[in-house]
Amino acid sequence: MATDILDNMDGYPKNKIAGVAYAISKCSFSRNTKPRTIEAKIVHDADLLEATGAVSIMRTFSSSVIM
């Protein structure tokens, strides 16, 4: 789906589409995938942060400030 959308976008570099598709394919909280590229690692980490929720993130930051 993403490859079709990006392929039809005017001006989007064709050489970047495969990297985007790879990053999306490795973005899974439940599948325990191991991303290899920096882009895939960033998307994977963002997905993990989103899955934990804002409350968990705030709890982490507040406890690290107290320590």
PDB file of N, CA and C in Angstrom:
ATOM      1  N   MET A   1       0.817  -1.184   0.000  1.00  0.00           N
ATOM      2  CA  MET A   1       0.000   0.000   0.000  1.00  0.00           C
ATOM      3  C   MET A   1       0.871   1.262   0.000  1.00  0.00           C
ATOM      4  N   ALA A   2       1.845   1.331   0.910  1.00  0.00           N
ATOM      5  CA  ALA A   2       2.720   2.504   0.966  1.00  0.00           C
ATOM      6  C   ALA A   2       3.526   2.648  -0.316  1.00  0.00           C
ATOM      7  N   THR A   3       3.973   1.516  -0.867  1.00  0.00           N
ATOM      8  CA  THR A   3       4.754   1.596  -2.107  1.00  0.00           C
ATOM      9  C   THR A   3       3.911   2.162  -3.236  1.00  0.00           C
ATOM     10  N   ASP A   4       2.643   1.786  -3.307  1.00  0.00           N
ATOM     11  CA  ASP A   4       1.761   2.328  -4.345  1.00  0.00           C
ATOM     12  C   ASP A   4       1.555   3.825  -4.164  1.00  0.00           C
ATOM     13  N   ILE A   5       1.338   4.243  -2.927  1.00  0.00           N
ATOM     14  CA  ILE A   5       1.123   5.666  -2.653  1.00  0.00           C
ATOM     15  C   ILE A   5       2.368   6.471  -2.998  1.00  0.00           C
ATOM     16  N   LEU A   6       3.526   6.018  -2.531  1.00  0.00           N
ATOM     17  CA  LEU A   6       4.765   6.754  -2.790  1.00  0.00           C
ATOM     18  C   LEU A   6       5.133   6.736  -4.261  1.00  0.00           C
ATOM     19  N   ASP A   7       4.860   5.629  -4.930  1.00  0.00           N
ATOM     20  CA  ASP A   7       5.166   5.519  -6.356  1.00  0.00           C
ATOM     21  C   ASP A   7       4.345   6.504  -7.180  1.00  0.00           C
ATOM     22  N   ASN A   8       3.154   6.829  -6.700  1.00  0.00           N
ATOM     23  CA  ASN A   8       2.276   7.757  -7.423  1.00  0.00           C
ATOM     24  C   ASN A   8       2.458   9.210  -7.014  1.00  0.00           C
ATOM     25  N   MET A   9       3.309   9.469  -6.024  1.00  0.00           N
ATOM     26  CA  MET A   9       3.551  10.848  -5.594  1.00  0.00           C
ATOM     27  C   MET A   9       4.562  11.513  -6.516  1.00  0.00           C
ATOM     28  N   ASP A  10       4.180  12.670  -7.015  1.00  0.00           N
ATOM     29  CA  ASP A  10       5.107  13.433  -7.851  1.00  0.00           C
ATOM     30  C   ASP A  10       6.258  13.941  -6.997  1.00  0.00           C
ATOM     31  N   GLY A  11       7.467  13.697  -7.448  1.00  0.00           N
ATOM     32  CA  GLY A  11       8.638  14.225  -6.774  1.00  0.00           C
ATOM     33  C   GLY A  11       9.221  13.347  -5.686  1.00  0.00           C
ATOM     34  N   TYR A  12       8.526  12.269  -5.299  1.00  0.00           N
ATOM     35  CA  TYR A  12       9.113  11.399  -4.275  1.00  0.00           C
ATOM     36  C   TYR A  12      10.174  10.531  -4.929  1.00  0.00           C
ATOM     37  N   PRO A  13      11.384  10.488  -4.375  1.00  0.00           N
ATOM     38  CA  PRO A  13      12.478   9.735  -5.000  1.00  0.00           C
ATOM     39  C   PRO A  13      12.182   8.231  -5.062  1.00  0.00           C
ATOM     40  N   LYS A  14      12.240   7.680  -6.249  1.00  0.00           N
ATOM     41  CA  LYS A  14      11.947   6.255  -6.457  1.00  0.00           C
ATOM     42  C   LYS A  14      12.924   5.363  -5.695  1.00  0.00           C
ATOM     43  N   ASN A  15      14.153   5.829  -5.508  1.00  0.00           N
ATOM     44  CA  ASN A  15      15.154   5.007  -4.818  1.00  0.00           C
ATOM     45  C   ASN A  15      14.927   4.934  -3.305  1.00  0.00           C
ATOM     46  N   LYS A  16      13.975   5.678  -2.777  1.00  0.00           N
ATOM     47  CA  LYS A  16      13.668   5.658  -1.344  1.00  0.00           C
ATOM     48  C   LYS A  16      12.488   4.743  -1.005  1.00  0.00           C
ATOM     49  N   ILE A  17      11.728   4.331  -2.000  1.00  0.00           N
ATOM     50  CA  ILE A  17      10.496   3.576  -1.759  1.00  0.00           C
ATOM     51  C   ILE A  17      10.770   2.229  -1.096  1.00  0.00           C
ATOM     52  N   ALA A  18      11.761   1.511  -1.549  1.00  0.00           N
ATOM     53  CA  ALA A  18      12.067   0.195  -0.968  1.00  0.00           C
ATOM     54  C   ALA A  18      12.464   0.327   0.503  1.00  0.00           C
ATOM     55  N   GLY A  19      13.196   1.375   0.851  1.00  0.00           N
ATOM     56  CA  GLY A  19      13.590   1.600   2.239  1.00  0.00           C
ATOM     57  C   GLY A  19      12.400   1.887   3.138  1.00  0.00           C
ATOM     58  N   VAL A  20      11.454   2.651   2.621  1.00  0.00           N
ATOM     59  CA  VAL A  20      10.236   2.939   3.381  1.00  0.00           C
ATOM     60  C   VAL A  20       9.433   1.658   3.584  1.00  0.00           C
ATOM     61  N   ALA A  21       9.303   0.874   2.526  1.00  0.00           N
ATOM     62  CA  ALA A  21       8.560  -0.392   2.619  1.00  0.00           C
ATOM     63  C   ALA A  21       9.219  -1.333   3.625  1.00  0.00           C
ATOM     64  N   TYR A  22      10.540  -1.373   3.627  1.00  0.00           N
ATOM     65  CA  TYR A  22      11.255  -2.221   4.587  1.00  0.00           C
ATOM     66  C   TYR A  22      11.007  -1.745   6.017  1.00  0.00           C
ATOM     67  N   ALA A  23      11.111  -0.435   6.244  1.00  0.00           N
ATOM     68  CA  ALA A  23      10.902   0.111   7.589  1.00  0.00           C
ATOM     69  C   ALA A  23       9.501  -0.212   8.095  1.00  0.00           C
ATOM     70  N   ILE A  24       8.516  -0.096   7.231  1.00  0.00           N
ATOM     71  CA  ILE A  24       7.141  -0.413   7.621  1.00  0.00           C
ATOM     72  C   ILE A  24       7.004  -1.897   7.934  1.00  0.00           C
ATOM     73  N   SER A  25       7.653  -2.732   7.145  1.00  0.00           N
ATOM     74  CA  SER A  25       7.525  -4.181   7.352  1.00  0.00           C
ATOM     75  C   SER A  25       8.142  -4.638   8.671  1.00  0.00           C
ATOM     76  N   LYS A  26       9.110  -3.897   9.185  1.00  0.00           N
ATOM     77  CA  LYS A  26       9.759  -4.255  10.448  1.00  0.00           C
ATOM     78  C   LYS A  26       9.124  -3.557  11.646  1.00  0.00           C
ATOM     79  N   CYS A  27       8.092  -2.781  11.405  1.00  0.00           N
ATOM     80  CA  CYS A  27       7.426  -2.034  12.461  1.00  0.00           C
ATOM     81  C   CYS A  27       6.311  -2.882  13.051  1.00  0.00           C
ATOM     82  N   SER A  28       6.625  -3.585  14.127  1.00  0.00           N
ATOM     83  CA  SER A  28       5.624  -4.408  14.794  1.00  0.00           C
ATOM     84  C   SER A  28       5.984  -4.555  16.258  1.00  0.00           C
ATOM     85  N   PHE A  29       5.048  -4.207  17.108  1.00  0.00           N
ATOM     86  CA  PHE A  29       5.257  -4.334  18.544  1.00  0.00           C
ATOM     87  C   PHE A  29       5.182  -5.795  18.972  1.00  0.00           C
ATOM     88  N   SER A  30       4.331  -6.562  18.317  1.00  0.00           N
ATOM     89  CA  SER A  30       4.074  -7.929  18.775  1.00  0.00           C
ATOM     90  C   SER A  30       4.874  -9.012  18.061  1.00  0.00           C
ATOM     91  N   ARG A  31       5.418  -8.723  16.883  1.00  0.00           N
ATOM     92  CA  ARG A  31       6.116  -9.767  16.123  1.00  0.00           C
ATOM     93  C   ARG A  31       7.571  -9.960  16.521  1.00  0.00           C
ATOM     94  N   ASN A  32       8.115  -9.090  17.352  1.00  0.00           N
ATOM     95  CA  ASN A  32       9.508  -9.195  17.791  1.00  0.00           C
ATOM     96  C   ASN A  32      10.481  -9.227  16.613  1.00  0.00           C
ATOM     97  N   THR A  33      10.336  -8.259  15.714  1.00  0.00           N
ATOM     98  CA  THR A  33      11.215  -8.171  14.552  1.00  0.00           C
ATOM     99  C   THR A  33      12.463  -7.378  14.898  1.00  0.00           C
ATOM    100  N   LYS A  34      13.522  -7.591  14.140  1.00  0.00           N
ATOM    101  CA  LYS A  34      14.801  -6.912  14.367  1.00  0.00           C
ATOM    102  C   LYS A  34      15.119  -6.054  13.134  1.00  0.00           C
ATOM    103  N   PRO A  35      14.865  -4.736  13.202  1.00  0.00           N
ATOM    104  CA  PRO A  35      15.168  -3.878  12.062  1.00  0.00           C
ATOM    105  C   PRO A  35      16.673  -3.727  11.861  1.00  0.00           C
ATOM    106  N   ARG A  36      17.094  -3.599  10.595  1.00  0.00           N
ATOM    107  CA  ARG A  36      18.525  -3.483  10.286  1.00  0.00           C
ATOM    108  C   ARG A  36      18.949  -2.073   9.908  1.00  0.00           C
ATOM    109  N   THR A  37      18.083  -1.322   9.238  1.00  0.00           N
ATOM    110  CA  THR A  37      18.474   0.020   8.805  1.00  0.00           C
ATOM    111  C   THR A  37      18.137   1.038   9.887  1.00  0.00           C
ATOM    112  N   ILE A  38      18.788   2.193   9.839  1.00  0.00           N
ATOM    113  CA  ILE A  38      18.534   3.238  10.832  1.00  0.00           C
ATOM    114  C   ILE A  38      17.093   3.726  10.728  1.00  0.00           C
ATOM    115  N   GLU A  39      16.573   3.824   9.502  1.00  0.00           N
ATOM    116  CA  GLU A  39      15.194   4.268   9.314  1.00  0.00           C
ATOM    117  C   GLU A  39      14.213   3.273   9.929  1.00  0.00           C
ATOM    118  N   ALA A  40      14.465   1.992   9.709  1.00  0.00           N
ATOM    119  CA  ALA A  40      13.587   0.961  10.268  1.00  0.00           C
ATOM    120  C   ALA A  40      13.673   0.936  11.790  1.00  0.00           C
ATOM    121  N   LYS A  41      14.862   1.188  12.335  1.00  0.00           N
ATOM    122  CA  LYS A  41      15.020   1.232  13.791  1.00  0.00           C
ATOM    123  C   LYS A  41      14.240   2.397  14.391  1.00  0.00           C
ATOM    124  N   ILE A  42      14.263   3.541  13.710  1.00  0.00           N
ATOM    125  CA  ILE A  42      13.535   4.719  14.190  1.00  0.00           C
ATOM    126  C   ILE A  42      12.035   4.458  14.185  1.00  0.00           C
ATOM    127  N   VAL A  43      11.523   3.905  13.089  1.00  0.00           N
ATOM    128  CA  VAL A  43      10.091   3.605  12.999  1.00  0.00           C
ATOM    129  C   VAL A  43       9.703   2.554  14.035  1.00  0.00           C
ATOM    130  N   HIS A  44      10.551   1.556  14.211  1.00  0.00           N
ATOM    131  CA  HIS A  44      10.300   0.495  15.195  1.00  0.00           C
ATOM    132  C   HIS A  44      10.242   1.071  16.608  1.00  0.00           C
ATOM    133  N   ASP A  45      11.205   1.928  16.950  1.00  0.00           N
ATOM    134  CA  ASP A  45      11.224   2.543  18.277  1.00  0.00           C
ATOM    135  C   ASP A  45      10.014   3.451  18.492  1.00  0.00           C
ATOM    136  N   ALA A  46       9.631   4.196  17.453  1.00  0.00           N
ATOM    137  CA  ALA A  46       8.446   5.052  17.557  1.00  0.00           C
ATOM    138  C   ALA A  46       7.200   4.211  17.797  1.00  0.00           C
ATOM    139  N   ASP A  47       7.112   3.069  17.146  1.00  0.00           N
ATOM    140  CA  ASP A  47       5.976   2.173  17.346  1.00  0.00           C
ATOM    141  C   ASP A  47       5.960   1.632  18.775  1.00  0.00           C
ATOM    142  N   LEU A  48       7.125   1.281  19.298  1.00  0.00           N
ATOM    143  CA  LEU A  48       7.202   0.800  20.683  1.00  0.00           C
ATOM    144  C   LEU A  48       6.775   1.882  21.675  1.00  0.00           C
ATOM    145  N   LEU A  49       7.226   3.115  21.439  1.00  0.00           N
ATOM    146  CA  LEU A  49       6.833   4.218  22.316  1.00  0.00           C
ATOM    147  C   LEU A  49       5.331   4.456  22.261  1.00  0.00           C
ATOM    148  N   GLU A  50       4.778   4.402  21.066  1.00  0.00           N
ATOM    149  CA  GLU A  50       3.343   4.611  20.907  1.00  0.00           C
ATOM    150  C   GLU A  50       2.563   3.495  21.593  1.00  0.00           C
ATOM    151  N   ALA A  51       3.068   2.290  21.519  1.00  0.00           N
ATOM    152  CA  ALA A  51       2.379   1.146  22.113  1.00  0.00           C
ATOM    153  C   ALA A  51       2.383   1.210  23.635  1.00  0.00           C
ATOM    154  N   THR A  52       3.409   1.806  24.217  1.00  0.00           N
ATOM    155  CA  THR A  52       3.465   1.890  25.675  1.00  0.00           C
ATOM    156  C   THR A  52       2.526   2.955  26.218  1.00  0.00           C
ATOM    157  N   GLY A  53       2.231   3.938  25.423  1.00  0.00           N
ATOM    158  CA  GLY A  53       1.281   4.963  25.833  1.00  0.00           C
ATOM    159  C   GLY A  53       1.935   6.147  26.514  1.00  0.00           C
ATOM    160  N   ALA A  54       1.232   7.254  26.481  1.00  0.00           N
ATOM    161  CA  ALA A  54       1.745   8.511  27.022  1.00  0.00           C
ATOM    162  C   ALA A  54       1.937   8.452  28.532  1.00  0.00           C
ATOM    163  N   VAL A  55       1.081   7.739  29.226  1.00  0.00           N
ATOM    164  CA  VAL A  55       1.196   7.664  30.684  1.00  0.00           C
ATOM    165  C   VAL A  55       2.498   6.984  31.090  1.00  0.00           C
ATOM    166  N   SER A  56       2.845   5.903  30.415  1.00  0.00           N
ATOM    167  CA  SER A  56       4.096   5.200  30.729  1.00  0.00           C
ATOM    168  C   SER A  56       5.306   6.071  30.443  1.00  0.00           C
ATOM    169  N   ILE A  57       5.250   6.808  29.362  1.00  0.00           N
ATOM    170  CA  ILE A  57       6.365   7.690  29.005  1.00  0.00           C
ATOM    171  C   ILE A  57       6.527   8.780  30.063  1.00  0.00           C
ATOM    172  N   MET A  58       5.422   9.396  30.473  1.00  0.00           N
ATOM    173  CA  MET A  58       5.497  10.438  31.496  1.00  0.00           C
ATOM    174  C   MET A  58       5.999   9.864  32.821  1.00  0.00           C
ATOM    175  N   ARG A  59       5.591   8.667  33.157  1.00  0.00           N
ATOM    176  CA  ARG A  59       6.052   8.020  34.386  1.00  0.00           C
ATOM    177  C   ARG A  59       7.560   7.790  34.330  1.00  0.00           C
ATOM    178  N   THR A  60       8.045   7.378  33.172  1.00  0.00           N
ATOM    179  CA  THR A  60       9.479   7.153  33.002  1.00  0.00           C
ATOM    180  C   THR A  60      10.258   8.446  33.179  1.00  0.00           C
ATOM    181  N   PHE A  61       9.792   9.524  32.534  1.00  0.00           N
ATOM    182  CA  PHE A  61      10.485  10.799  32.650  1.00  0.00           C
ATOM    183  C   PHE A  61      10.421  11.346  34.070  1.00  0.00           C
ATOM    184  N   SER A  62       9.284  11.235  34.715  1.00  0.00           N
ATOM    185  CA  SER A  62       9.172  11.787  36.064  1.00  0.00           C
ATOM    186  C   SER A  62      10.017  11.001  37.060  1.00  0.00           C
ATOM    187  N   SER A  63      10.108   9.698  36.905  1.00  0.00           N
ATOM    188  CA  SER A  63      10.936   8.921  37.829  1.00  0.00           C
ATOM    189  C   SER A  63      12.419   9.138  37.571  1.00  0.00           C
ATOM    190  N   SER A  64      12.807   9.413  36.337  1.00  0.00           N
ATOM    191  CA  SER A  64      14.222   9.660  36.059  1.00  0.00           C
ATOM    192  C   SER A  64      14.653  11.024  36.584  1.00  0.00           C
ATOM    193  N   VAL A  65      13.740  11.978  36.639  1.00  0.00           N
ATOM    194  CA  VAL A  65      14.051  13.301  37.185  1.00  0.00           C
ATOM    195  C   VAL A  65      14.231  13.208  38.695  1.00  0.00           C
ATOM    196  N   ILE A  66      13.420  12.410  39.349  1.00  0.00           N
ATOM    197  CA  ILE A  66      13.498  12.253  40.802  1.00  0.00           C
ATOM    198  C   ILE A  66      14.799  11.577  41.212  1.00  0.00           C
ATOM    199  N   MET A  67      15.250  10.605  40.421  1.00  0.00           N
ATOM    200  CA  MET A  67      16.475   9.879  40.739  1.00  0.00           C
ATOM    201  C   MET A  67      17.631  10.802  40.572  1.00  0.00           C
TER     202      MET A  67
END
